Amino acid sequence: MLHQNISRVIRWYKGRTTFECRKINPNFEWQFRFYDHIIRNSFAYHNIVKYVVENPEKWGKEK
C-alpha cells in the first residue's frame, strides 16, 4: 500500500514538473535511461552517494 502511495506522489510530481517546465522550454524531457529508486537502508544510501560523487569523474572516459 505504501509503495502505491509513493509511486502516486512521484508520478504526480514528475507530471506536474514536466507540465511547468514545458511552459519555459517546450523541449523539456526527463533524463534518458533515468529510473526512480527508493532508498531502503543505509547500505543502499551509501552506495548511491558513492555513485553520485564518483560518477562525474567517469564522464568522457566511457567509449
PDB file of N, CA and C in Angstrom:
ATOM      1  N   MET A   1       0.823  -1.194   0.000  1.00  0.00           N
ATOM      2  CA  MET A   1       0.000   0.000   0.000  1.00  0.00           C
ATOM      3  C   MET A   1       0.868   1.259   0.000  1.00  0.00           C
ATOM      4  N   LEU A   2       1.895   1.279   0.853  1.00  0.00           N
ATOM      5  CA  LEU A   2       2.788   2.436   0.909  1.00  0.00           C
ATOM      6  C   LEU A   2       3.477   2.644  -0.434  1.00  0.00           C
ATOM      7  N   HIS A   3       3.885   1.545  -1.066  1.00  0.00           N
ATOM      8  CA  HIS A   3       4.543   1.636  -2.377  1.00  0.00           C
ATOM      9  C   HIS A   3       3.632   2.339  -3.381  1.00  0.00           C
ATOM     10  N   GLN A   4       2.354   2.005  -3.375  1.00  0.00           N
ATOM     11  CA  GLN A   4       1.406   2.648  -4.298  1.00  0.00           C
ATOM     12  C   GLN A   4       1.293   4.135  -4.015  1.00  0.00           C
ATOM     13  N   ASN A   5       1.314   4.522  -2.756  1.00  0.00           N
ATOM     14  CA  ASN A   5       1.219   5.939  -2.406  1.00  0.00           C
ATOM     15  C   ASN A   5       2.464   6.697  -2.843  1.00  0.00           C
ATOM     16  N   ILE A   6       3.636   6.127  -2.607  1.00  0.00           N
ATOM     17  CA  ILE A   6       4.880   6.766  -3.026  1.00  0.00           C
ATOM     18  C   ILE A   6       4.920   6.877  -4.544  1.00  0.00           C
ATOM     19  N   SER A   7       4.555   5.812  -5.230  1.00  0.00           N
ATOM     20  CA  SER A   7       4.538   5.831  -6.692  1.00  0.00           C
ATOM     21  C   SER A   7       3.589   6.899  -7.212  1.00  0.00           C
ATOM     22  N   ARG A   8       2.460   7.036  -6.575  1.00  0.00           N
ATOM     23  CA  ARG A   8       1.475   8.036  -6.989  1.00  0.00           C
ATOM     24  C   ARG A   8       2.029   9.452  -6.804  1.00  0.00           C
ATOM     25  N   VAL A   9       2.697   9.708  -5.689  1.00  0.00           N
ATOM     26  CA  VAL A   9       3.281  11.026  -5.426  1.00  0.00           C
ATOM     27  C   VAL A   9       4.371  11.330  -6.451  1.00  0.00           C
ATOM     28  N   ILE A  10       5.243  10.360  -6.714  1.00  0.00           N
ATOM     29  CA  ILE A  10       6.329  10.570  -7.684  1.00  0.00           C
ATOM     30  C   ILE A  10       5.763  10.801  -9.078  1.00  0.00           C
ATOM     31  N   ARG A  11       4.770  10.019  -9.468  1.00  0.00           N
ATOM     32  CA  ARG A  11       4.140  10.191 -10.784  1.00  0.00           C
ATOM     33  C   ARG A  11       3.522  11.577 -10.904  1.00  0.00           C
ATOM     34  N   TRP A  12       2.824  12.041  -9.833  1.00  0.00           N
ATOM     35  CA  TRP A  12       2.235  13.381  -9.851  1.00  0.00           C
ATOM     36  C   TRP A  12       3.327  14.435  -9.962  1.00  0.00           C
ATOM     37  N   TYR A  13       4.380  14.305  -9.156  1.00  0.00           N
ATOM     38  CA  TYR A  13       5.461  15.289  -9.156  1.00  0.00           C
ATOM     39  C   TYR A  13       6.114  15.393 -10.528  1.00  0.00           C
ATOM     40  N   LYS A  14       6.434  14.246 -11.128  1.00  0.00           N
ATOM     41  CA  LYS A  14       7.085  14.270 -12.440  1.00  0.00           C
ATOM     42  C   LYS A  14       6.150  14.830 -13.503  1.00  0.00           C
ATOM     43  N   GLY A  15       4.869  14.512 -13.436  1.00  0.00           N
ATOM     44  CA  GLY A  15       3.912  15.041 -14.393  1.00  0.00           C
ATOM     45  C   GLY A  15       3.754  16.547 -14.265  1.00  0.00           C
ATOM     46  N   ARG A  16       3.646  17.007 -13.034  1.00  0.00           N
ATOM     47  CA  ARG A  16       3.491  18.451 -12.806  1.00  0.00           C
ATOM     48  C   ARG A  16       4.757  19.214 -13.182  1.00  0.00           C
ATOM     49  N   THR A  17       5.907  18.637 -12.838  1.00  0.00           N
ATOM     50  CA  THR A  17       7.176  19.260 -13.196  1.00  0.00           C
ATOM     51  C   THR A  17       7.313  19.367 -14.707  1.00  0.00           C
ATOM     52  N   THR A  18       6.978  18.306 -15.412  1.00  0.00           N
ATOM     53  CA  THR A  18       7.037  18.320 -16.874  1.00  0.00           C
ATOM     54  C   THR A  18       6.136  19.411 -17.430  1.00  0.00           C
ATOM     55  N   PHE A  19       4.912  19.489 -16.924  1.00  0.00           N
ATOM     56  CA  PHE A  19       3.949  20.495 -17.384  1.00  0.00           C
ATOM     57  C   PHE A  19       4.500  21.906 -17.206  1.00  0.00           C
ATOM     58  N   GLU A  20       5.031  22.206 -16.015  1.00  0.00           N
ATOM     59  CA  GLU A  20       5.536  23.552 -15.730  1.00  0.00           C
ATOM     60  C   GLU A  20       6.817  23.847 -16.517  1.00  0.00           C
ATOM     61  N   CYS A  21       7.722  22.879 -16.616  1.00  0.00           N
ATOM     62  CA  CYS A  21       8.978  23.094 -17.342  1.00  0.00           C
ATOM     63  C   CYS A  21       8.737  23.334 -18.831  1.00  0.00           C
ATOM     64  N   ARG A  22       7.735  22.678 -19.387  1.00  0.00           N
ATOM     65  CA  ARG A  22       7.461  22.854 -20.816  1.00  0.00           C
ATOM     66  C   ARG A  22       6.856  24.223 -21.131  1.00  0.00           C
ATOM     67  N   LYS A  23       6.388  24.935 -20.118  1.00  0.00           N
ATOM     68  CA  LYS A  23       5.968  26.321 -20.329  1.00  0.00           C
ATOM     69  C   LYS A  23       7.188  27.193 -20.626  1.00  0.00           C
ATOM     70  N   ILE A  24       8.325  26.842 -20.019  1.00  0.00           N
ATOM     71  CA  ILE A  24       9.570  27.588 -20.201  1.00  0.00           C
ATOM     72  C   ILE A  24      10.355  27.043 -21.389  1.00  0.00           C
ATOM     73  N   ASN A  25      10.442  25.739 -21.479  1.00  0.00           N
ATOM     74  CA  ASN A  25      11.196  25.076 -22.538  1.00  0.00           C
ATOM     75  C   ASN A  25      10.349  23.936 -23.094  1.00  0.00           C
ATOM     76  N   PRO A  26       9.715  24.137 -24.242  1.00  0.00           N
ATOM     77  CA  PRO A  26       8.833  23.113 -24.807  1.00  0.00           C
ATOM     78  C   PRO A  26       9.529  21.778 -25.092  1.00  0.00           C
ATOM     79  N   ASN A  27      10.863  21.781 -25.141  1.00  0.00           N
ATOM     80  CA  ASN A  27      11.600  20.552 -25.430  1.00  0.00           C
ATOM     81  C   ASN A  27      12.042  19.805 -24.175  1.00  0.00           C
ATOM     82  N   PHE A  28      11.537  20.224 -23.003  1.00  0.00           N
ATOM     83  CA  PHE A  28      11.939  19.578 -21.752  1.00  0.00           C
ATOM     84  C   PHE A  28      11.612  18.094 -21.798  1.00  0.00           C
ATOM     85  N   GLU A  29      12.582  17.290 -21.372  1.00  0.00           N
ATOM     86  CA  GLU A  29      12.384  15.850 -21.220  1.00  0.00           C
ATOM     87  C   GLU A  29      13.173  15.390 -20.011  1.00  0.00           C
ATOM     88  N   TRP A  30      12.739  14.313 -19.409  1.00  0.00           N
ATOM     89  CA  TRP A  30      13.483  13.726 -18.311  1.00  0.00           C
ATOM     90  C   TRP A  30      14.722  13.042 -18.879  1.00  0.00           C
ATOM     91  N   GLN A  31      15.735  12.909 -18.063  1.00  0.00           N
ATOM     92  CA  GLN A  31      16.993  12.303 -18.493  1.00  0.00           C
ATOM     93  C   GLN A  31      16.750  10.905 -19.035  1.00  0.00           C
ATOM     94  N   PHE A  32      17.364  10.614 -20.176  1.00  0.00           N
ATOM     95  CA  PHE A  32      17.262   9.307 -20.802  1.00  0.00           C
ATOM     96  C   PHE A  32      17.884   8.255 -19.884  1.00  0.00           C
ATOM     97  N   ARG A  33      17.287   7.102 -19.829  1.00  0.00           N
ATOM     98  CA  ARG A  33      17.748   5.971 -19.024  1.00  0.00           C
ATOM     99  C   ARG A  33      17.753   6.276 -17.531  1.00  0.00           C
ATOM    100  N   PHE A  34      16.924   7.188 -17.116  1.00  0.00           N
ATOM    101  CA  PHE A  34      16.811   7.512 -15.695  1.00  0.00           C
ATOM    102  C   PHE A  34      15.701   6.665 -15.095  1.00  0.00           C
ATOM    103  N   TYR A  35      15.916   6.205 -13.893  1.00  0.00           N
ATOM    104  CA  TYR A  35      14.844   5.496 -13.223  1.00  0.00           C
ATOM    105  C   TYR A  35      14.804   5.915 -11.753  1.00  0.00           C
ATOM    106  N   ASP A  36      13.624   5.852 -11.187  1.00  0.00           N
ATOM    107  CA  ASP A  36      13.455   6.194  -9.780  1.00  0.00           C
ATOM    108  C   ASP A  36      13.870   4.997  -8.940  1.00  0.00           C
ATOM    109  N   HIS A  37      14.432   5.285  -7.795  1.00  0.00           N
ATOM    110  CA  HIS A  37      14.863   4.221  -6.902  1.00  0.00           C
ATOM    111  C   HIS A  37      14.574   4.639  -5.470  1.00  0.00           C
ATOM    112  N   ILE A  38      13.903   3.795  -4.745  1.00  0.00           N
ATOM    113  CA  ILE A  38      13.603   4.072  -3.349  1.00  0.00           C
ATOM    114  C   ILE A  38      14.762   3.546  -2.508  1.00  0.00           C
ATOM    115  N   ILE A  39      15.340   4.408  -1.699  1.00  0.00           N
ATOM    116  CA  ILE A  39      16.462   4.024  -0.836  1.00  0.00           C
ATOM    117  C   ILE A  39      15.868   3.371   0.412  1.00  0.00           C
ATOM    118  N   ARG A  40      16.188   2.119   0.610  1.00  0.00           N
ATOM    119  CA  ARG A  40      15.545   1.344   1.673  1.00  0.00           C
ATOM    120  C   ARG A  40      16.385   1.170   2.938  1.00  0.00           C
ATOM    121  N   ASN A  41      17.695   1.407   2.848  1.00  0.00           N
ATOM    122  CA  ASN A  41      18.532   1.237   4.043  1.00  0.00           C
ATOM    123  C   ASN A  41      19.817   2.038   3.887  1.00  0.00           C
ATOM    124  N   SER A  42      20.619   2.079   4.937  1.00  0.00           N
ATOM    125  CA  SER A  42      21.836   2.896   4.908  1.00  0.00           C
ATOM    126  C   SER A  42      22.871   2.345   3.932  1.00  0.00           C
ATOM    127  N   PHE A  43      22.920   1.036   3.740  1.00  0.00           N
ATOM    128  CA  PHE A  43      23.851   0.448   2.777  1.00  0.00           C
ATOM    129  C   PHE A  43      23.545   0.968   1.366  1.00  0.00           C
ATOM    130  N   ALA A  44      22.275   0.928   0.983  1.00  0.00           N
ATOM    131  CA  ALA A  44      21.873   1.432  -0.337  1.00  0.00           C
ATOM    132  C   ALA A  44      22.149   2.927  -0.453  1.00  0.00           C
ATOM    133  N   TYR A  45      21.886   3.660   0.616  1.00  0.00           N
ATOM    134  CA  TYR A  45      22.132   5.106   0.625  1.00  0.00           C
ATOM    135  C   TYR A  45      23.606   5.401   0.362  1.00  0.00           C
ATOM    136  N   HIS A  46      24.493   4.724   1.068  1.00  0.00           N
ATOM    137  CA  HIS A  46      25.926   4.974   0.911  1.00  0.00           C
ATOM    138  C   HIS A  46      26.420   4.585  -0.484  1.00  0.00           C
ATOM    139  N   ASN A  47      25.876   3.525  -1.051  1.00  0.00           N
ATOM    140  CA  ASN A  47      26.236   3.152  -2.431  1.00  0.00           C
ATOM    141  C   ASN A  47      25.811   4.221  -3.422  1.00  0.00           C
ATOM    142  N   ILE A  48      24.646   4.793  -3.221  1.00  0.00           N
ATOM    143  CA  ILE A  48      24.150   5.838  -4.124  1.00  0.00           C
ATOM    144  C   ILE A  48      24.981   7.109  -3.971  1.00  0.00           C
ATOM    145  N   VAL A  49      25.319   7.472  -2.744  1.00  0.00           N
ATOM    146  CA  VAL A  49      26.168   8.645  -2.519  1.00  0.00           C
ATOM    147  C   VAL A  49      27.512   8.449  -3.213  1.00  0.00           C
ATOM    148  N   LYS A  50      28.085   7.272  -3.070  1.00  0.00           N
ATOM    149  CA  LYS A  50      29.374   6.976  -3.715  1.00  0.00           C
ATOM    150  C   LYS A  50      29.251   7.123  -5.234  1.00  0.00           C
ATOM    151  N   TYR A  51      28.174   6.605  -5.794  1.00  0.00           N
ATOM    152  CA  TYR A  51      27.956   6.717  -7.238  1.00  0.00           C
ATOM    153  C   TYR A  51      27.853   8.181  -7.672  1.00  0.00           C
ATOM    154  N   VAL A  52      27.094   8.975  -6.934  1.00  0.00           N
ATOM    155  CA  VAL A  52      26.897  10.381  -7.288  1.00  0.00           C
ATOM    156  C   VAL A  52      28.218  11.144  -7.214  1.00  0.00           C
ATOM    157  N   VAL A  53      29.027  10.858  -6.214  1.00  0.00           N
ATOM    158  CA  VAL A  53      30.304  11.551  -6.047  1.00  0.00           C
ATOM    159  C   VAL A  53      31.306  11.132  -7.127  1.00  0.00           C
ATOM    160  N   GLU A  54      31.378   9.842  -7.419  1.00  0.00           N
ATOM    161  CA  GLU A  54      32.397   9.330  -8.342  1.00  0.00           C
ATOM    162  C   GLU A  54      31.994   9.406  -9.810  1.00  0.00           C
ATOM    163  N   ASN A  55      30.716   9.474 -10.104  1.00  0.00           N
ATOM    164  CA  ASN A  55      30.266   9.406 -11.497  1.00  0.00           C
ATOM    165  C   ASN A  55      30.816  10.524 -12.386  1.00  0.00           C
ATOM    166  N   PRO A  56      30.861  11.787 -11.943  1.00  0.00           N
ATOM    167  CA  PRO A  56      31.397  12.837 -12.828  1.00  0.00           C
ATOM    168  C   PRO A  56      32.834  12.577 -13.277  1.00  0.00           C
ATOM    169  N   GLU A  57      33.613  11.864 -12.456  1.00  0.00           N
ATOM    170  CA  GLU A  57      34.986  11.537 -12.833  1.00  0.00           C
ATOM    171  C   GLU A  57      35.029  10.618 -14.057  1.00  0.00           C
ATOM    172  N   LYS A  58      33.965   9.885 -14.276  1.00  0.00           N
ATOM    173  CA  LYS A  58      33.914   8.920 -15.385  1.00  0.00           C
ATOM    174  C   LYS A  58      33.430   9.557 -16.695  1.00  0.00           C
ATOM    175  N   TRP A  59      32.883  10.775 -16.622  1.00  0.00           N
ATOM    176  CA  TRP A  59      32.363  11.423 -17.820  1.00  0.00           C
ATOM    177  C   TRP A  59      33.480  11.582 -18.835  1.00  0.00           C
ATOM    178  N   GLY A  60      33.204  11.217 -20.046  1.00  0.00           N
ATOM    179  CA  GLY A  60      34.181  11.367 -21.120  1.00  0.00           C
ATOM    180  C   GLY A  60      35.185  10.225 -21.186  1.00  0.00           C
ATOM    181  N   LYS A  61      35.205   9.360 -20.195  1.00  0.00           N
ATOM    182  CA  LYS A  61      36.136   8.240 -20.197  1.00  0.00           C
ATOM    183  C   LYS A  61      35.521   6.995 -20.819  1.00  0.00           C
ATOM    184  N   GLU A  62      34.192   6.998 -20.929  1.00  0.00           N
ATOM    185  CA  GLU A  62      33.497   5.837 -21.498  1.00  0.00           C
ATOM    186  C   GLU A  62      33.584   5.893 -23.013  1.00  0.00           C
ATOM    187  N   LYS A  63      33.493   4.740 -23.615  1.00  0.00           N
ATOM    188  CA  LYS A  63      33.583   4.664 -25.094  1.00  0.00           C
ATOM    189  C   LYS A  63      32.358   5.231 -25.749  1.00  0.00           C
TER     190      LYS A  63
END
